[in-house]
Amino acid sequence: MADLPAAVTDTHPLIFHAVSGRQLGTRAAALFDRCERQQAILYVPAAVIWECSLLARVARINLRRTVRDFFADLFSNPAYQPLDLTAEQIFLADELRFTRDPFDGLVCAAARSLDLPLVTRDEAIRGSGAVKVVW
């Protein structure tokens, strides 16, 4: 799938897509649609996987299956790629300092480490200018 459009996802767009996609912005919905047709690549940072796990544990989201099974299903489509957390991403997240939310810092650092836009509607991220945003 070389040379396809690519981006990194924040947690909430991934959950919105999994539920119905209706809460996604127009450009974000189009990107997820392209991924479903394997015409784009969306990287899922380890921080997003972890945040989904924490949200499911406290019943803020319902994945309708275990976190492991949810991501196994997602990653069965090669358009969705897990992105491991690296020390460099942690250093980048620490240097961003526009937010106190560690997940926001880590997902921005993931996008920056790949030089890709981030799919998010998060106002703090959008206002920070830390990454290009797709919504």
N, C-alpha and C. Protein backbone atom coordinates (compact mmCIF):
# COMPACT_ATOMS: atom_id res chain seq x y z
N MET A 1 0.83 -1.19 0.00
CA MET A 1 0.00 0.00 0.00
C MET A 1 0.87 1.24 0.00
N ALA A 2 1.99 1.18 -0.65
CA ALA A 2 2.89 2.32 -0.70
C ALA A 2 2.26 3.49 -1.45
N ASP A 3 2.66 4.68 -1.08
CA ASP A 3 2.23 5.92 -1.71
C ASP A 3 0.75 6.21 -1.57
N LEU A 4 0.07 5.62 -0.63
CA LEU A 4 -1.32 5.95 -0.36
C LEU A 4 -1.38 7.10 0.62
N PRO A 5 -2.47 7.87 0.61
CA PRO A 5 -2.62 8.92 1.63
C PRO A 5 -2.56 8.27 3.01
N ALA A 6 -1.97 8.98 3.95
CA ALA A 6 -1.82 8.42 5.30
C ALA A 6 -2.00 9.50 6.34
N ALA A 7 -2.38 9.08 7.54
CA ALA A 7 -2.54 9.97 8.69
C ALA A 7 -2.41 9.13 9.95
N VAL A 8 -2.45 9.82 11.07
CA VAL A 8 -2.43 9.19 12.39
C VAL A 8 -3.77 9.54 13.04
N THR A 9 -4.35 8.62 13.80
CA THR A 9 -5.63 8.92 14.43
C THR A 9 -5.49 9.18 15.92
N ASP A 10 -6.31 10.10 16.39
CA ASP A 10 -6.52 10.33 17.81
C ASP A 10 -7.56 9.30 18.27
N THR A 11 -7.81 9.23 19.55
CA THR A 11 -8.70 8.22 20.09
C THR A 11 -10.16 8.43 19.68
N HIS A 12 -10.67 9.63 19.86
CA HIS A 12 -12.11 9.84 19.62
C HIS A 12 -12.53 9.60 18.17
N PRO A 13 -11.74 9.98 17.15
CA PRO A 13 -12.20 9.65 15.79
C PRO A 13 -12.29 8.15 15.55
N LEU A 14 -11.38 7.40 16.13
CA LEU A 14 -11.41 5.95 15.96
C LEU A 14 -12.67 5.37 16.59
N ILE A 15 -13.02 5.85 17.77
CA ILE A 15 -14.24 5.38 18.44
C ILE A 15 -15.47 5.82 17.66
N PHE A 16 -15.50 7.09 17.20
CA PHE A 16 -16.63 7.56 16.40
C PHE A 16 -16.81 6.68 15.17
N HIS A 17 -15.71 6.36 14.50
CA HIS A 17 -15.78 5.51 13.32
C HIS A 17 -16.33 4.13 13.67
N ALA A 18 -15.87 3.57 14.76
CA ALA A 18 -16.29 2.23 15.15
C ALA A 18 -17.78 2.18 15.49
N VAL A 19 -18.29 3.26 16.04
CA VAL A 19 -19.69 3.29 16.45
C VAL A 19 -20.61 3.51 15.25
N SER A 20 -20.33 4.54 14.45
CA SER A 20 -21.21 4.82 13.31
C SER A 20 -20.59 5.77 12.31
N GLY A 21 -19.64 6.56 12.75
CA GLY A 21 -19.01 7.53 11.86
C GLY A 21 -19.75 8.84 11.76
N ARG A 22 -20.94 8.92 12.33
CA ARG A 22 -21.76 10.14 12.18
C ARG A 22 -21.16 11.36 12.86
N GLN A 23 -20.35 11.19 13.87
CA GLN A 23 -19.78 12.33 14.58
C GLN A 23 -18.47 12.81 13.97
N LEU A 24 -18.01 12.15 12.92
CA LEU A 24 -16.76 12.54 12.29
C LEU A 24 -16.96 13.77 11.41
N GLY A 25 -15.91 14.58 11.33
CA GLY A 25 -15.91 15.67 10.37
C GLY A 25 -15.88 15.11 8.96
N THR A 26 -16.19 15.94 7.99
CA THR A 26 -16.29 15.50 6.60
C THR A 26 -14.99 14.88 6.09
N ARG A 27 -13.87 15.58 6.30
CA ARG A 27 -12.59 15.06 5.82
C ARG A 27 -12.16 13.81 6.57
N ALA A 28 -12.44 13.76 7.88
CA ALA A 28 -12.09 12.58 8.68
C ALA A 28 -12.92 11.38 8.22
N ALA A 29 -14.21 11.59 7.99
CA ALA A 29 -15.07 10.49 7.53
C ALA A 29 -14.60 9.97 6.17
N ALA A 30 -14.20 10.88 5.29
CA ALA A 30 -13.71 10.47 3.97
C ALA A 30 -12.43 9.64 4.10
N LEU A 31 -11.55 10.03 5.02
CA LEU A 31 -10.32 9.27 5.22
C LEU A 31 -10.61 7.88 5.76
N PHE A 32 -11.49 7.77 6.75
CA PHE A 32 -11.85 6.45 7.26
C PHE A 32 -12.50 5.60 6.17
N ASP A 33 -13.34 6.22 5.34
CA ASP A 33 -13.95 5.49 4.24
C ASP A 33 -12.89 4.95 3.28
N ARG A 34 -11.91 5.77 2.98
CA ARG A 34 -10.81 5.31 2.10
C ARG A 34 -10.04 4.16 2.75
N CYS A 35 -9.86 4.22 4.07
CA CYS A 35 -9.19 3.12 4.76
C CYS A 35 -10.00 1.84 4.65
N GLU A 36 -11.31 1.95 4.80
CA GLU A 36 -12.15 0.76 4.70
C GLU A 36 -12.03 0.13 3.32
N ARG A 37 -11.76 0.94 2.30
CA ARG A 37 -11.58 0.44 0.94
C ARG A 37 -10.11 0.17 0.63
N GLN A 38 -9.26 0.28 1.67
CA GLN A 38 -7.81 0.06 1.55
C GLN A 38 -7.17 0.99 0.53
N GLN A 39 -7.62 2.24 0.52
CA GLN A 39 -7.07 3.28 -0.35
C GLN A 39 -6.35 4.37 0.43
N ALA A 40 -6.15 4.15 1.71
CA ALA A 40 -5.42 5.07 2.58
C ALA A 40 -4.91 4.25 3.77
N ILE A 41 -3.99 4.84 4.50
CA ILE A 41 -3.43 4.17 5.68
C ILE A 41 -3.65 5.07 6.88
N LEU A 42 -4.09 4.47 7.96
CA LEU A 42 -4.28 5.20 9.21
C LEU A 42 -3.47 4.50 10.29
N TYR A 43 -2.53 5.23 10.87
CA TYR A 43 -1.70 4.70 11.94
C TYR A 43 -2.41 4.92 13.27
N VAL A 44 -2.38 3.89 14.10
CA VAL A 44 -3.02 3.93 15.41
C VAL A 44 -1.93 3.86 16.47
N PRO A 45 -1.61 5.00 17.10
CA PRO A 45 -0.54 5.00 18.10
C PRO A 45 -0.86 4.09 19.29
N ALA A 46 0.17 3.54 19.87
CA ALA A 46 0.00 2.71 21.07
C ALA A 46 -0.74 3.48 22.16
N ALA A 47 -0.54 4.80 22.24
CA ALA A 47 -1.24 5.61 23.24
C ALA A 47 -2.75 5.58 23.02
N VAL A 48 -3.19 5.50 21.77
CA VAL A 48 -4.62 5.41 21.47
C VAL A 48 -5.17 4.06 21.93
N ILE A 49 -4.42 3.00 21.70
CA ILE A 49 -4.83 1.68 22.15
C ILE A 49 -4.96 1.67 23.67
N TRP A 50 -3.98 2.25 24.33
CA TRP A 50 -3.99 2.31 25.79
C TRP A 50 -5.17 3.13 26.30
N GLU A 51 -5.41 4.30 25.67
CA GLU A 51 -6.51 5.15 26.11
C GLU A 51 -7.85 4.43 25.91
N CYS A 52 -8.02 3.72 24.80
CA CYS A 52 -9.24 2.94 24.59
C CYS A 52 -9.42 1.91 25.68
N SER A 53 -8.34 1.26 26.06
CA SER A 53 -8.39 0.27 27.12
C SER A 53 -8.85 0.89 28.43
N LEU A 54 -8.30 2.04 28.77
CA LEU A 54 -8.68 2.72 30.01
C LEU A 54 -10.14 3.18 29.97
N LEU A 55 -10.57 3.72 28.83
CA LEU A 55 -11.96 4.17 28.70
C LEU A 55 -12.94 3.01 28.77
N ALA A 56 -12.59 1.89 28.17
CA ALA A 56 -13.45 0.71 28.23
C ALA A 56 -13.52 0.16 29.66
N ARG A 57 -12.41 0.20 30.34
CA ARG A 57 -12.35 -0.33 31.71
C ARG A 57 -13.30 0.42 32.64
N VAL A 58 -13.41 1.74 32.46
CA VAL A 58 -14.29 2.53 33.33
C VAL A 58 -15.66 2.77 32.68
N ALA A 59 -15.96 2.03 31.63
CA ALA A 59 -17.25 2.05 30.94
C ALA A 59 -17.60 3.39 30.31
N ARG A 60 -16.60 4.15 29.89
CA ARG A 60 -16.87 5.40 29.15
C ARG A 60 -17.11 5.11 27.68
N ILE A 61 -16.61 3.95 27.20
CA ILE A 61 -16.90 3.49 25.85
C ILE A 61 -17.25 2.01 25.93
N ASN A 62 -18.01 1.55 24.95
CA ASN A 62 -18.37 0.14 24.88
C ASN A 62 -17.92 -0.38 23.53
N LEU A 63 -16.87 -1.15 23.53
CA LEU A 63 -16.33 -1.71 22.29
C LEU A 63 -17.07 -2.97 21.86
N ARG A 64 -17.98 -3.46 22.67
CA ARG A 64 -18.79 -4.65 22.40
C ARG A 64 -17.97 -5.94 22.30
N ARG A 65 -16.76 -5.86 22.75
CA ARG A 65 -15.86 -7.01 22.81
C ARG A 65 -14.63 -6.56 23.60
N THR A 66 -13.72 -7.47 23.83
CA THR A 66 -12.52 -7.08 24.57
C THR A 66 -11.71 -6.08 23.75
N VAL A 67 -10.88 -5.32 24.41
CA VAL A 67 -10.01 -4.37 23.71
C VAL A 67 -9.11 -5.13 22.73
N ARG A 68 -8.59 -6.25 23.17
CA ARG A 68 -7.73 -7.06 22.30
C ARG A 68 -8.48 -7.47 21.03
N ASP A 69 -9.72 -7.93 21.19
CA ASP A 69 -10.51 -8.36 20.02
C ASP A 69 -10.88 -7.18 19.13
N PHE A 70 -11.20 -6.05 19.74
CA PHE A 70 -11.52 -4.85 18.96
C PHE A 70 -10.36 -4.49 18.03
N PHE A 71 -9.16 -4.45 18.60
CA PHE A 71 -8.00 -4.06 17.79
C PHE A 71 -7.56 -5.18 16.85
N ALA A 72 -7.78 -6.42 17.21
CA ALA A 72 -7.49 -7.52 16.27
C ALA A 72 -8.38 -7.38 15.04
N ASP A 73 -9.65 -7.07 15.27
CA ASP A 73 -10.57 -6.85 14.14
C ASP A 73 -10.12 -5.65 13.31
N LEU A 74 -9.79 -4.55 13.97
CA LEU A 74 -9.36 -3.35 13.25
C LEU A 74 -8.12 -3.63 12.42
N PHE A 75 -7.12 -4.25 13.02
CA PHE A 75 -5.85 -4.47 12.34
C PHE A 75 -5.90 -5.62 11.33
N SER A 76 -7.04 -6.31 11.25
CA SER A 76 -7.19 -7.31 10.19
C SER A 76 -7.30 -6.62 8.82
N ASN A 77 -7.63 -5.34 8.82
CA ASN A 77 -7.60 -4.54 7.60
C ASN A 77 -6.21 -3.89 7.56
N PRO A 78 -5.41 -4.18 6.55
CA PRO A 78 -4.04 -3.64 6.51
C PRO A 78 -3.97 -2.12 6.37
N ALA A 79 -5.09 -1.47 6.14
CA ALA A 79 -5.11 -0.01 6.08
C ALA A 79 -4.93 0.61 7.47
N TYR A 80 -5.20 -0.16 8.50
CA TYR A 80 -5.03 0.30 9.88
C TYR A 80 -3.76 -0.35 10.42
N GLN A 81 -2.83 0.48 10.82
CA GLN A 81 -1.53 -0.02 11.26
C GLN A 81 -1.23 0.44 12.69
N PRO A 82 -0.90 -0.50 13.59
CA PRO A 82 -0.49 -0.09 14.93
C PRO A 82 0.85 0.64 14.86
N LEU A 83 1.00 1.63 15.70
CA LEU A 83 2.25 2.39 15.75
C LEU A 83 2.82 2.30 17.16
N ASP A 84 3.94 1.62 17.28
CA ASP A 84 4.57 1.44 18.58
C ASP A 84 5.02 2.78 19.17
N LEU A 85 4.98 2.85 20.48
CA LEU A 85 5.48 4.01 21.21
C LEU A 85 7.00 3.92 21.28
N THR A 86 7.66 5.02 20.97
CA THR A 86 9.12 5.06 21.02
C THR A 86 9.59 6.09 22.03
N ALA A 87 10.83 5.97 22.43
CA ALA A 87 11.41 6.96 23.33
C ALA A 87 11.38 8.34 22.67
N GLU A 88 11.64 8.41 21.38
CA GLU A 88 11.61 9.70 20.68
C GLU A 88 10.24 10.36 20.77
N GLN A 89 9.18 9.57 20.66
CA GLN A 89 7.83 10.13 20.78
C GLN A 89 7.60 10.68 22.19
N ILE A 90 8.11 10.00 23.19
CA ILE A 90 7.97 10.48 24.57
C ILE A 90 8.71 11.81 24.73
N PHE A 91 9.91 11.91 24.18
CA PHE A 91 10.66 13.16 24.26
C PHE A 91 9.91 14.28 23.53
N LEU A 92 9.37 13.99 22.34
CA LEU A 92 8.60 14.98 21.59
C LEU A 92 7.37 15.43 22.36
N ALA A 93 6.66 14.48 22.95
CA ALA A 93 5.46 14.81 23.73
C ALA A 93 5.81 15.72 24.89
N ASP A 94 6.92 15.45 25.54
CA ASP A 94 7.36 16.29 26.65
C ASP A 94 7.71 17.70 26.18
N GLU A 95 8.28 17.80 25.01
CA GLU A 95 8.69 19.12 24.49
C GLU A 95 7.52 19.94 23.97
N LEU A 96 6.41 19.32 23.61
CA LEU A 96 5.27 20.06 23.06
C LEU A 96 4.66 21.01 24.09
N ARG A 97 4.37 20.52 25.26
CA ARG A 97 3.91 21.29 26.41
C ARG A 97 2.68 22.16 26.19
N PHE A 98 1.88 21.93 25.17
CA PHE A 98 0.68 22.73 24.97
C PHE A 98 -0.50 22.18 25.77
N THR A 99 -0.35 20.99 26.33
CA THR A 99 -1.43 20.34 27.04
C THR A 99 -0.90 19.56 28.23
N ARG A 100 -1.77 19.37 29.21
CA ARG A 100 -1.40 18.52 30.35
C ARG A 100 -1.89 17.09 30.14
N ASP A 101 -2.64 16.86 29.05
CA ASP A 101 -3.16 15.52 28.75
C ASP A 101 -2.05 14.69 28.11
N PRO A 102 -1.57 13.67 28.80
CA PRO A 102 -0.45 12.89 28.24
C PRO A 102 -0.81 12.20 26.93
N PHE A 103 -2.07 11.80 26.76
CA PHE A 103 -2.47 11.13 25.51
C PHE A 103 -2.41 12.10 24.34
N ASP A 104 -2.86 13.34 24.54
CA ASP A 104 -2.79 14.33 23.47
C ASP A 104 -1.34 14.57 23.05
N GLY A 105 -0.46 14.68 24.02
CA GLY A 105 0.95 14.87 23.70
C GLY A 105 1.52 13.69 22.93
N LEU A 106 1.18 12.49 23.34
CA LEU A 106 1.72 11.30 22.69
C LEU A 106 1.17 11.10 21.28
N VAL A 107 -0.12 11.38 21.06
CA VAL A 107 -0.64 11.20 19.70
C VAL A 107 -0.09 12.27 18.77
N CYS A 108 0.10 13.48 19.28
CA CYS A 108 0.74 14.52 18.45
C CYS A 108 2.18 14.14 18.13
N ALA A 109 2.88 13.63 19.11
CA ALA A 109 4.26 13.21 18.88
C ALA A 109 4.32 12.07 17.87
N ALA A 110 3.35 11.16 17.90
CA ALA A 110 3.30 10.07 16.92
C ALA A 110 3.14 10.64 15.52
N ALA A 111 2.22 11.59 15.36
CA ALA A 111 2.00 12.20 14.04
C ALA A 111 3.25 12.94 13.58
N ARG A 112 3.87 13.67 14.49
CA ARG A 112 5.08 14.40 14.12
C ARG A 112 6.22 13.46 13.77
N SER A 113 6.33 12.35 14.48
CA SER A 113 7.43 11.41 14.21
C SER A 113 7.32 10.81 12.81
N LEU A 114 6.08 10.71 12.29
CA LEU A 114 5.87 10.19 10.94
C LEU A 114 5.69 11.30 9.91
N ASP A 115 5.67 12.55 10.38
CA ASP A 115 5.43 13.71 9.52
C ASP A 115 4.11 13.55 8.76
N LEU A 116 3.07 13.18 9.52
CA LEU A 116 1.74 12.98 8.95
C LEU A 116 0.72 13.83 9.72
N PRO A 117 -0.41 14.12 9.09
CA PRO A 117 -1.47 14.84 9.82
C PRO A 117 -2.13 13.93 10.85
N LEU A 118 -2.78 14.57 11.80
CA LEU A 118 -3.49 13.86 12.87
C LEU A 118 -4.99 14.04 12.66
N VAL A 119 -5.74 12.95 12.70
CA VAL A 119 -7.19 13.01 12.63
C VAL A 119 -7.69 13.30 14.04
N THR A 120 -8.25 14.51 14.24
CA THR A 120 -8.75 14.91 15.55
C THR A 120 -9.65 16.13 15.42
N ARG A 121 -10.58 16.25 16.35
CA ARG A 121 -11.36 17.48 16.46
C ARG A 121 -10.96 18.26 17.71
N ASP A 122 -9.99 17.75 18.45
CA ASP A 122 -9.55 18.34 19.71
C ASP A 122 -9.12 19.78 19.49
N GLU A 123 -9.79 20.70 20.15
CA GLU A 123 -9.51 22.14 19.98
C GLU A 123 -8.12 22.52 20.46
N ALA A 124 -7.67 21.93 21.57
CA ALA A 124 -6.34 22.27 22.08
C ALA A 124 -5.26 21.86 21.08
N ILE A 125 -5.42 20.70 20.49
CA ILE A 125 -4.45 20.24 19.49
C ILE A 125 -4.52 21.13 18.26
N ARG A 126 -5.73 21.38 17.78
CA ARG A 126 -5.90 22.20 16.58
C ARG A 126 -5.33 23.60 16.79
N GLY A 127 -5.56 24.16 17.96
CA GLY A 127 -5.07 25.49 18.25
C GLY A 127 -3.58 25.58 18.52
N SER A 128 -2.97 24.46 18.85
CA SER A 128 -1.55 24.47 19.21
C SER A 128 -0.64 24.63 18.00
N GLY A 129 -1.11 24.20 16.84
CA GLY A 129 -0.26 24.22 15.65
C GLY A 129 0.84 23.17 15.70
N ALA A 130 0.76 22.24 16.64
CA ALA A 130 1.80 21.23 16.80
C ALA A 130 1.86 20.25 15.63
N VAL A 131 0.70 20.01 15.02
CA VAL A 131 0.59 19.08 13.90
C VAL A 131 -0.46 19.60 12.92
N LYS A 132 -0.38 19.11 11.69
CA LYS A 132 -1.47 19.35 10.74
C LYS A 132 -2.64 18.47 11.18
N VAL A 133 -3.86 18.98 10.98
CA VAL A 133 -5.04 18.28 11.44
C VAL A 133 -5.99 17.99 10.29
N VAL A 134 -6.57 16.81 10.34
CA VAL A 134 -7.64 16.42 9.44
C VAL A 134 -8.89 16.28 10.29
N TRP A 135 -9.96 16.98 9.91
CA TRP A 135 -11.23 16.79 10.56
C TRP A 135 -12.36 17.03 9.58
